[in-house]
Amino acid sequence: MDIWKQVTILIFTPTATIAAVVYFLRKMFDRGLQRDLDRYRANLKRKEIEHQIKYSLIHERKAEVIANVYAGLVKAKRKMAQLVFIFQPDGQNLQKKKQDAADACNNVDDYFNEHRLYLDRVTADKAESILIKMKEAFINFDTAQNGDDYKPDATGFWRQANDQIKNEIPPLLEELESEFRTILGIHGENKP
């Protein structure tokens, strides 16, 4: 029996020692992997938060630019409509109305050109086409009414300017508004 005891001790002692060493090494390796995995997860979470903040700030700035461009275009259209409307009451200060319309167009044009990088190319082109139409209408009107007071138009440019503001710009502005709503994520809005 002593031989069997000695053989058992000789076989099981190294085996048990190796098993214990393997077990502890495995546990240390698992801890190291878990620590690296936790560090990787924390780094990934930090990058995700950074990305969300950047995206949120960019989207917020884009929304601000859209709101300002749209408000400027609507104001410029309103000022141009007041200027080029065919039936003008007596006593209107033509030069002031021209200046107000020109200022409104120039202000939105300046703002748009300074901030167009926040808009994709298609949307920016739509906004620019509205601005171009307004400038053309202004030039046509100014050609027809180059004095200090409204006078009958023999050139047809006044009516052309009125038609541009009344008929050509509203569909373009409506299309741009729809594009802006899509960009901002406003869906399902019913039109009146």
Protein backbone atom coordinates (compact mmCIF):
# COMPACT_ATOMS: atom_id res chain seq x y z
CA MET A 1 0.00 0.00 0.00
CA ASP A 2 2.83 2.28 0.63
CA ILE A 3 3.75 2.03 -3.00
CA TRP A 4 0.26 3.02 -4.06
CA LYS A 5 0.34 5.93 -1.65
CA GLN A 6 3.67 7.07 -2.95
CA VAL A 7 2.60 6.67 -6.60
CA THR A 8 -0.62 8.57 -5.85
CA ILE A 9 1.30 11.32 -4.08
CA LEU A 10 3.86 11.47 -6.91
CA ILE A 11 1.14 11.69 -9.58
CA PHE A 12 -1.50 13.79 -7.86
CA THR A 13 0.75 16.33 -6.16
CA PRO A 14 2.30 17.70 -9.37
CA THR A 15 -1.04 17.43 -11.15
CA ALA A 16 -2.82 19.31 -8.38
CA THR A 17 -0.04 21.91 -8.30
CA ILE A 18 -0.21 22.37 -12.06
CA ALA A 19 -4.02 22.55 -11.91
CA ALA A 20 -3.83 25.19 -9.17
CA VAL A 21 -1.23 27.20 -11.11
CA VAL A 22 -3.33 26.96 -14.30
CA TYR A 23 -6.46 27.96 -12.38
CA PHE A 24 -4.76 31.04 -10.86
CA LEU A 25 -3.13 32.00 -14.16
CA ARG A 26 -6.48 31.67 -15.89
CA LYS A 27 -8.16 33.83 -13.26
CA MET A 28 -5.44 36.48 -13.62
CA PHE A 29 -5.74 36.35 -17.42
CA ASP A 30 -9.56 36.66 -17.16
CA ARG A 31 -9.17 39.65 -14.82
CA GLY A 32 -6.73 41.27 -17.23
CA LEU A 33 -9.10 40.68 -20.14
CA GLN A 34 -12.05 42.01 -18.13
CA ARG A 35 -10.05 45.09 -17.12
CA ASP A 36 -9.09 45.72 -20.76
CA LEU A 37 -12.66 45.12 -21.85
CA ASP A 38 -14.00 47.54 -19.21
CA ARG A 39 -11.43 50.15 -20.27
CA TYR A 40 -12.41 49.66 -23.92
CA ARG A 41 -16.14 49.97 -23.06
CA ALA A 42 -15.51 53.15 -21.05
CA ASN A 43 -13.47 54.63 -23.91
CA LEU A 44 -16.18 53.68 -26.41
CA LYS A 45 -18.88 55.21 -24.19
CA ARG A 46 -16.84 58.43 -23.87
CA LYS A 47 -16.43 58.63 -27.66
CA GLU A 48 -20.15 57.96 -28.11
CA ILE A 49 -21.01 60.83 -25.76
CA GLU A 50 -18.54 63.12 -27.55
CA HIS A 51 -20.11 62.19 -30.88
CA GLN A 52 -23.63 62.83 -29.54
CA ILE A 53 -22.60 66.23 -28.19
CA LYS A 54 -20.92 67.21 -31.48
CA TYR A 55 -23.91 66.00 -33.50
CA SER A 56 -26.30 67.78 -31.17
CA LEU A 57 -24.37 71.05 -31.39
CA ILE A 58 -24.09 70.83 -35.18
CA HIS A 59 -27.78 70.02 -35.51
CA GLU A 60 -28.66 72.90 -33.17
CA ARG A 61 -26.52 75.31 -35.20
CA LYS A 62 -27.99 73.99 -38.45
CA ALA A 63 -31.51 74.53 -37.08
CA GLU A 64 -30.57 78.10 -36.12
CA VAL A 65 -29.21 78.78 -39.62
CA ILE A 66 -32.33 77.30 -41.22
CA ALA A 67 -34.58 79.42 -39.01
CA ASN A 68 -32.65 82.60 -39.76
CA VAL A 69 -32.42 81.98 -43.51
CA TYR A 70 -36.10 81.12 -43.76
CA ALA A 71 -37.15 84.13 -41.64
CA GLY A 72 -34.94 86.40 -43.73
CA LEU A 73 -36.36 85.07 -46.99
CA VAL A 74 -39.93 85.50 -45.78
CA LYS A 75 -39.20 89.06 -44.62
CA ALA A 76 -37.47 89.92 -47.90
CA LYS A 77 -40.40 88.48 -49.88
CA ARG A 78 -42.85 90.50 -47.81
CA LYS A 79 -40.86 93.73 -48.31
CA MET A 80 -40.53 93.03 -52.03
CA ALA A 81 -44.28 92.30 -52.30
CA GLN A 82 -45.04 95.62 -50.61
CA LEU A 83 -42.69 97.37 -53.01
CA VAL A 84 -43.83 95.82 -56.30
CA PHE A 85 -47.58 95.53 -55.66
CA ILE A 86 -49.31 97.06 -58.68
CA PHE A 87 -51.92 99.05 -56.73
CA GLN A 88 -50.07 101.49 -54.51
CA PRO A 89 -51.88 104.10 -52.41
CA ASP A 90 -50.89 107.73 -52.91
CA GLY A 91 -48.33 109.26 -50.61
CA GLN A 92 -46.04 106.20 -50.45
CA ASN A 93 -42.35 106.93 -49.98
CA LEU A 94 -40.91 104.95 -52.88
CA GLN A 95 -37.26 105.45 -51.91
CA LYS A 96 -37.90 104.19 -48.34
CA LYS A 97 -39.76 101.13 -49.64
CA LYS A 98 -36.93 100.44 -52.09
CA GLN A 99 -34.37 100.81 -49.32
CA ASP A 100 -36.35 98.54 -46.96
CA ALA A 101 -36.70 95.86 -49.65
CA ALA A 102 -33.05 96.14 -50.67
CA ASP A 103 -31.91 95.94 -47.03
CA ALA A 104 -34.07 92.87 -46.36
CA CYS A 105 -32.73 91.12 -49.49
CA ASN A 106 -29.13 92.08 -48.76
CA ASN A 107 -29.35 91.03 -45.10
CA VAL A 108 -30.65 87.55 -45.89
CA ASP A 109 -28.21 87.24 -48.79
CA ASP A 110 -25.26 88.14 -46.54
CA TYR A 111 -26.39 85.78 -43.76
CA PHE A 112 -27.07 82.96 -46.21
CA ASN A 113 -23.67 83.25 -47.91
CA GLU A 114 -21.87 83.39 -44.57
CA HIS A 115 -23.66 80.28 -43.28
CA ARG A 116 -24.40 78.19 -46.38
CA LEU A 117 -21.95 75.49 -45.29
CA TYR A 118 -24.57 74.33 -42.76
CA LEU A 119 -26.90 73.43 -45.62
CA ASP A 120 -26.44 70.65 -48.13
CA ARG A 121 -25.78 71.74 -51.71
CA VAL A 122 -29.32 71.07 -53.01
CA THR A 123 -30.95 73.05 -50.20
CA ALA A 124 -28.44 75.88 -50.54
CA ASP A 125 -29.10 76.03 -54.28
CA LYS A 126 -32.85 76.31 -53.64
CA ALA A 127 -32.34 79.19 -51.21
CA GLU A 128 -29.96 80.87 -53.64
CA SER A 129 -32.47 80.56 -56.50
CA ILE A 130 -35.03 82.43 -54.37
CA LEU A 131 -32.52 85.16 -53.65
CA ILE A 132 -31.67 85.46 -57.34
CA LYS A 133 -35.37 85.74 -58.24
CA MET A 134 -35.82 88.49 -55.65
CA LYS A 135 -32.83 90.40 -56.98
CA GLU A 136 -34.14 90.08 -60.53
CA ALA A 137 -37.53 91.36 -59.40
CA PHE A 138 -35.89 94.28 -57.63
CA ILE A 139 -33.86 95.19 -60.71
CA ASN A 140 -36.95 94.95 -62.91
CA PHE A 141 -38.92 97.14 -60.56
CA ASP A 142 -36.09 99.64 -60.19
CA THR A 143 -35.86 99.85 -63.97
CA ALA A 144 -39.58 100.64 -64.17
CA GLN A 145 -39.63 102.98 -61.15
CA ASN A 146 -36.36 104.87 -61.03
CA GLY A 147 -37.68 108.11 -59.56
CA ASP A 148 -38.85 109.21 -56.12
CA ASP A 149 -42.55 108.53 -56.72
CA TYR A 150 -44.59 105.75 -58.26
CA LYS A 151 -45.50 106.51 -61.85
CA PRO A 152 -47.21 104.53 -64.63
CA ASP A 153 -45.03 101.80 -66.09
CA ALA A 154 -44.55 101.89 -69.84
CA THR A 155 -41.82 99.21 -69.85
CA GLY A 156 -43.74 96.27 -68.36
CA PHE A 157 -40.94 95.66 -65.87
CA TRP A 158 -43.10 96.61 -62.88
CA ARG A 159 -45.70 93.97 -63.79
CA GLN A 160 -42.91 91.46 -64.42
CA ALA A 161 -41.44 92.18 -60.98
CA ASN A 162 -44.89 91.80 -59.41
CA ASP A 163 -45.43 88.48 -61.21
CA GLN A 164 -42.03 87.20 -60.06
CA ILE A 165 -42.76 88.01 -56.42
CA LYS A 166 -46.40 86.93 -56.56
CA ASN A 167 -46.17 83.81 -58.75
CA GLU A 168 -42.60 82.52 -59.00
CA ILE A 169 -41.22 82.90 -55.49
CA PRO A 170 -44.05 81.34 -53.40
CA PRO A 171 -43.67 77.83 -54.90
CA LEU A 172 -39.89 78.03 -54.51
CA LEU A 173 -40.28 79.20 -50.92
CA GLU A 174 -42.79 76.43 -50.22
CA GLU A 175 -40.39 73.85 -51.66
CA LEU A 176 -37.56 75.22 -49.53
CA GLU A 177 -39.81 75.17 -46.45
CA SER A 178 -40.57 71.50 -47.10
CA GLU A 179 -36.84 70.80 -47.48
CA PHE A 180 -36.11 72.63 -44.21
CA ARG A 181 -38.83 70.63 -42.42
CA THR A 182 -37.29 67.39 -43.68
CA ILE A 183 -33.83 68.46 -42.51
CA LEU A 184 -35.17 69.39 -39.09
CA GLY A 185 -37.06 66.10 -38.83
CA ILE A 186 -40.52 67.66 -38.82
CA HIS A 187 -42.71 65.09 -40.57
CA GLY A 188 -46.41 64.67 -40.96
CA GLU A 189 -47.25 68.35 -40.88
CA ASN A 190 -50.51 69.01 -42.69
CA LYS A 191 -50.61 71.92 -45.02
CA PRO A 192 -53.56 74.29 -44.64
